N, C-alpha and C. Protein backbone atom coordinates (compact mmCIF):
# COMPACT_ATOMS: atom_id res chain seq x y z
N MET A 1 19.63 88.24 80.43
CA MET A 1 20.96 88.69 81.34
C MET A 1 20.47 90.10 81.69
N LYS A 2 20.35 90.13 82.90
CA LYS A 2 19.86 91.44 83.54
C LYS A 2 21.06 92.72 83.29
N ARG A 3 20.58 94.12 83.11
CA ARG A 3 21.62 94.99 82.72
C ARG A 3 22.12 95.53 84.29
N ARG A 4 23.35 96.02 84.52
CA ARG A 4 24.02 96.32 85.53
C ARG A 4 23.75 98.09 85.41
N GLU A 5 23.66 98.40 86.80
CA GLU A 5 23.21 99.85 86.93
C GLU A 5 24.81 100.72 87.05
N GLN A 6 24.66 101.74 86.89
CA GLN A 6 25.77 102.56 86.81
C GLN A 6 26.75 102.36 88.54
N LYS A 7 26.05 102.37 89.64
CA LYS A 7 26.46 102.00 90.73
C LYS A 7 27.29 100.77 90.91
N ASP A 8 26.78 99.33 90.35
CA ASP A 8 26.91 98.29 90.25
C ASP A 8 28.39 98.18 89.14
N ILE A 9 28.53 98.61 88.41
CA ILE A 9 29.58 98.77 87.39
C ILE A 9 30.89 99.92 88.08
N ALA A 10 30.54 100.75 88.40
CA ALA A 10 31.43 101.53 89.24
C ALA A 10 32.09 100.53 90.53
N ALA A 11 31.06 99.87 90.94
CA ALA A 11 31.68 99.29 92.37
C ALA A 11 32.68 97.80 91.70
N ASP A 12 32.20 97.21 90.36
CA ASP A 12 33.16 96.14 89.92
C ASP A 12 34.35 96.75 89.43
N ILE A 13 34.44 98.02 89.06
CA ILE A 13 35.66 98.68 88.60
C ILE A 13 36.78 98.94 90.03
N LEU A 14 35.88 99.56 90.99
CA LEU A 14 36.57 99.77 92.07
C LEU A 14 37.25 98.36 92.78
N ASN A 15 36.40 97.54 92.64
CA ASN A 15 36.71 95.99 93.25
C ASN A 15 37.96 95.68 92.58
N GLU A 16 38.21 95.79 91.33
CA GLU A 16 39.26 95.09 90.33
C GLU A 16 40.14 95.63 90.57
N SER A 17 40.30 96.98 90.94
CA SER A 17 41.56 98.09 91.13
C SER A 17 42.09 98.15 92.34
N LYS A 18 41.60 97.58 93.60
CA LYS A 18 41.90 97.61 94.74
C LYS A 18 43.38 97.19 94.98
N GLN A 19 43.86 96.32 93.82
CA GLN A 19 45.68 96.28 94.05
C GLN A 19 46.61 96.43 92.94
N GLY A 20 45.33 97.60 92.28
CA GLY A 20 46.01 98.39 91.02
C GLY A 20 45.76 97.40 89.64
N SER A 21 45.14 97.82 88.77
CA SER A 21 44.92 97.31 87.51
C SER A 21 45.19 98.33 86.27
N LYS A 22 45.53 97.49 85.12
CA LYS A 22 45.55 98.47 84.36
C LYS A 22 44.44 97.96 83.28
N ILE A 23 44.25 99.06 82.54
CA ILE A 23 42.89 99.07 81.91
C ILE A 23 42.33 98.08 80.98
N SER A 24 42.93 97.01 80.40
CA SER A 24 42.94 96.05 79.63
C SER A 24 41.94 95.21 80.51
N ARG A 25 42.63 95.09 82.04
CA ARG A 25 42.42 94.25 82.70
C ARG A 25 40.89 94.40 83.59
N ILE A 26 40.93 95.77 83.61
CA ILE A 26 39.64 96.12 83.97
C ILE A 26 38.52 95.32 83.09
N VAL A 27 38.66 96.10 81.50
CA VAL A 27 37.56 95.87 80.72
C VAL A 27 37.26 94.42 80.61
N TYR A 28 38.63 93.46 80.76
CA TYR A 28 38.71 92.00 80.67
C TYR A 28 37.48 91.42 81.87
N LYS A 29 38.17 92.00 83.32
CA LYS A 29 37.10 91.33 84.58
C LYS A 29 36.28 91.92 84.23
N CYS A 30 35.75 93.24 84.10
CA CYS A 30 34.54 93.94 84.64
C CYS A 30 33.35 93.33 83.22
N ASN A 31 33.45 92.72 81.99
CA ASN A 31 33.15 92.25 80.96
C ASN A 31 32.52 93.98 80.62
N LEU A 32 33.44 94.49 80.26
CA LEU A 32 33.06 95.73 79.78
C LEU A 32 33.89 96.52 78.35
N ASN A 33 33.72 97.35 77.56
CA ASN A 33 34.42 98.11 76.32
C ASN A 33 35.38 99.10 76.93
N PHE A 34 36.35 99.22 76.20
CA PHE A 34 37.29 100.34 76.26
C PHE A 34 36.55 101.75 76.58
N LYS A 35 35.70 101.98 75.81
CA LYS A 35 35.09 103.36 75.39
C LYS A 35 34.47 103.44 77.02
N ILE A 36 33.36 102.50 77.20
CA ILE A 36 33.01 102.37 78.70
C ILE A 36 33.75 102.47 79.88
N VAL A 37 35.05 101.87 79.99
CA VAL A 37 35.42 101.72 81.05
C VAL A 37 36.35 103.30 80.87
N ARG A 38 36.62 103.90 80.15
CA ARG A 38 37.40 105.34 80.28
C ARG A 38 36.62 106.10 80.43
N LEU A 39 34.76 106.16 80.18
CA LEU A 39 33.98 107.00 80.87
C LEU A 39 34.03 106.95 82.38
N TYR A 40 33.81 105.68 83.13
CA TYR A 40 33.80 105.61 84.40
C TYR A 40 35.39 105.69 84.79
N LEU A 41 36.61 105.71 84.17
CA LEU A 41 37.69 105.94 85.16
C LEU A 41 37.48 107.31 84.95
N SER A 42 37.36 108.45 84.00
CA SER A 42 37.28 109.45 83.81
C SER A 42 36.43 109.88 85.14
N ARG A 43 35.10 109.45 85.58
CA ARG A 43 34.06 109.84 86.47
C ARG A 43 34.94 109.73 87.83
N LEU A 44 35.14 108.26 88.30
CA LEU A 44 36.18 107.68 89.33
C LEU A 44 37.23 108.79 89.66
N LEU A 45 37.99 108.76 88.70
CA LEU A 45 39.23 109.81 88.96
C LEU A 45 38.84 110.93 89.29
N SER A 46 37.92 111.89 88.55
CA SER A 46 37.25 113.36 89.50
C SER A 46 36.63 113.07 90.48
N GLU A 47 36.34 112.21 91.01
CA GLU A 47 35.69 111.85 92.47
C GLU A 47 36.53 111.22 93.57
N GLY A 48 37.72 111.40 92.89
CA GLY A 48 38.62 110.88 94.23
C GLY A 48 38.28 109.46 94.54
N LEU A 49 37.68 108.42 93.81
CA LEU A 49 37.99 107.25 94.24
C LEU A 49 38.64 105.90 93.48
N LEU A 50 39.30 106.47 92.44
CA LEU A 50 40.73 105.70 91.81
C LEU A 50 41.42 106.97 91.75
N GLU A 51 42.90 106.39 91.72
CA GLU A 51 44.19 107.06 91.09
C GLU A 51 44.93 106.16 90.44
N VAL A 52 45.42 107.11 89.80
CA VAL A 52 46.94 106.35 88.64
C VAL A 52 47.76 106.51 89.34
N VAL A 53 48.50 105.31 89.66
CA VAL A 53 49.80 104.94 90.29
C VAL A 53 50.98 104.77 89.30
N ASP A 54 50.70 104.67 88.27
CA ASP A 54 51.75 104.47 86.92
C ASP A 54 50.73 104.81 85.69
N LYS A 55 52.07 104.73 84.75
CA LYS A 55 51.04 104.68 83.37
C LYS A 55 49.79 103.77 83.14
N ASN A 56 48.78 103.94 83.12
CA ASN A 56 47.96 103.12 82.74
C ASN A 56 47.27 101.90 83.93
N VAL A 57 47.99 102.39 85.24
CA VAL A 57 47.81 101.55 86.25
C VAL A 57 46.83 102.30 86.92
N PHE A 58 45.34 101.65 87.65
CA PHE A 58 44.47 102.51 88.41
C PHE A 58 44.51 101.76 89.72
N ARG A 59 44.28 102.29 90.89
CA ARG A 59 43.97 101.77 92.12
C ARG A 59 42.80 102.61 92.88
N THR A 60 42.10 101.45 93.48
CA THR A 60 41.10 102.62 94.55
C THR A 60 41.72 103.19 95.29
N THR A 61 41.08 104.37 95.86
CA THR A 61 41.63 105.11 97.10
C THR A 61 40.77 104.40 98.04
N GLU A 62 41.06 105.30 99.11
CA GLU A 62 40.55 105.05 100.77
C GLU A 62 39.16 105.36 100.33
N LYS A 63 38.88 106.53 100.01
CA LYS A 63 37.40 107.06 99.41
C LYS A 63 36.98 106.08 98.59
N GLY A 64 37.48 105.35 97.46
CA GLY A 64 36.45 104.04 96.70
C GLY A 64 36.39 102.78 97.90
N ARG A 65 37.36 102.79 98.55
CA ARG A 65 37.49 101.60 99.79
C ARG A 65 36.16 102.00 100.16
N ILE A 66 35.55 103.19 101.12
CA ILE A 66 34.64 103.20 101.63
C ILE A 66 33.21 103.10 100.98
N TYR A 67 33.24 103.70 99.77
CA TYR A 67 32.27 103.13 98.64
C TYR A 67 31.91 101.56 98.59
N LEU A 68 32.66 101.06 98.36
CA LEU A 68 32.69 99.65 97.98
C LEU A 68 32.10 98.77 99.43
N LYS A 69 32.59 99.55 100.41
CA LYS A 69 31.76 98.76 101.68
C LYS A 69 30.00 99.17 101.70
N SER A 70 30.04 100.57 101.74
CA SER A 70 28.40 101.47 101.66
C SER A 70 27.59 100.57 100.42
N TYR A 71 28.48 100.33 99.59
CA TYR A 71 27.70 99.48 98.46
C TYR A 71 27.54 98.18 99.02
N ARG A 72 28.36 97.59 99.39
CA ARG A 72 28.07 96.13 99.93
C ARG A 72 26.84 96.28 100.77
N ASP A 73 27.27 97.05 101.92
CA ASP A 73 26.09 96.72 103.14
C ASP A 73 25.35 97.18 102.73
N PHE A 74 24.60 98.22 101.34
CA PHE A 74 23.47 98.37 101.26
C PHE A 74 22.74 96.98 100.22
N LYS A 75 23.46 96.37 99.47
CA LYS A 75 23.08 95.44 98.89
C LYS A 75 22.72 94.37 99.52
N ALA A 76 23.66 94.03 101.02
CA ALA A 76 23.00 93.42 101.64
C ALA A 76 21.87 93.45 102.31
N LEU A 77 21.57 94.70 102.43
CA LEU A 77 20.20 94.88 103.59
C LEU A 77 19.10 95.17 102.50
N TRP A 78 19.78 95.63 100.98
CA TRP A 78 18.41 95.31 99.97
C TRP A 78 17.95 93.77 99.71
N SER A 79 18.86 92.95 99.77
CA SER A 79 18.35 91.58 99.30
C SER A 79 17.70 90.80 100.65
N GLN A 80 17.54 91.44 102.12
CA GLN A 80 16.93 90.81 102.92
C GLN A 80 15.54 91.24 102.89
N LEU A 81 15.32 92.66 102.29
CA LEU A 81 14.02 92.90 102.08
C LEU A 81 13.11 92.28 101.24
N ASP A 82 11.58 92.04 101.72
CA ASP A 82 10.72 91.16 101.12
C ASP A 82 9.85 92.07 100.42
N PHE A 83 9.63 92.18 99.34
CA PHE A 83 8.75 93.02 98.84
C PHE A 83 7.37 92.41 98.21
N SER A 84 7.34 91.01 98.35
CA SER A 84 6.25 90.51 97.74
C SER A 84 5.00 90.47 98.63
N PRO A 85 3.71 90.41 97.39
CA PRO A 85 2.51 91.23 98.00
C PRO A 85 2.26 89.95 99.15
């Protein structure tokens, strides 16, 4: 199994949190542990990509949605490139 990069994990968390999610749901759906999720939540909150809407409920902000769109666009473009010799 290929390890995910930080940008991929951040996108997974933001995608899961679009409608609002508790930390336990994020852990389960993103296949991460609580320690890692807490680190990412802290960073995403400080960057304004995520917000706390209720105790332990996180939701993706408009800035986070823009990140997700850019991430998806980049992934789509990258998949179209051919690097074979």
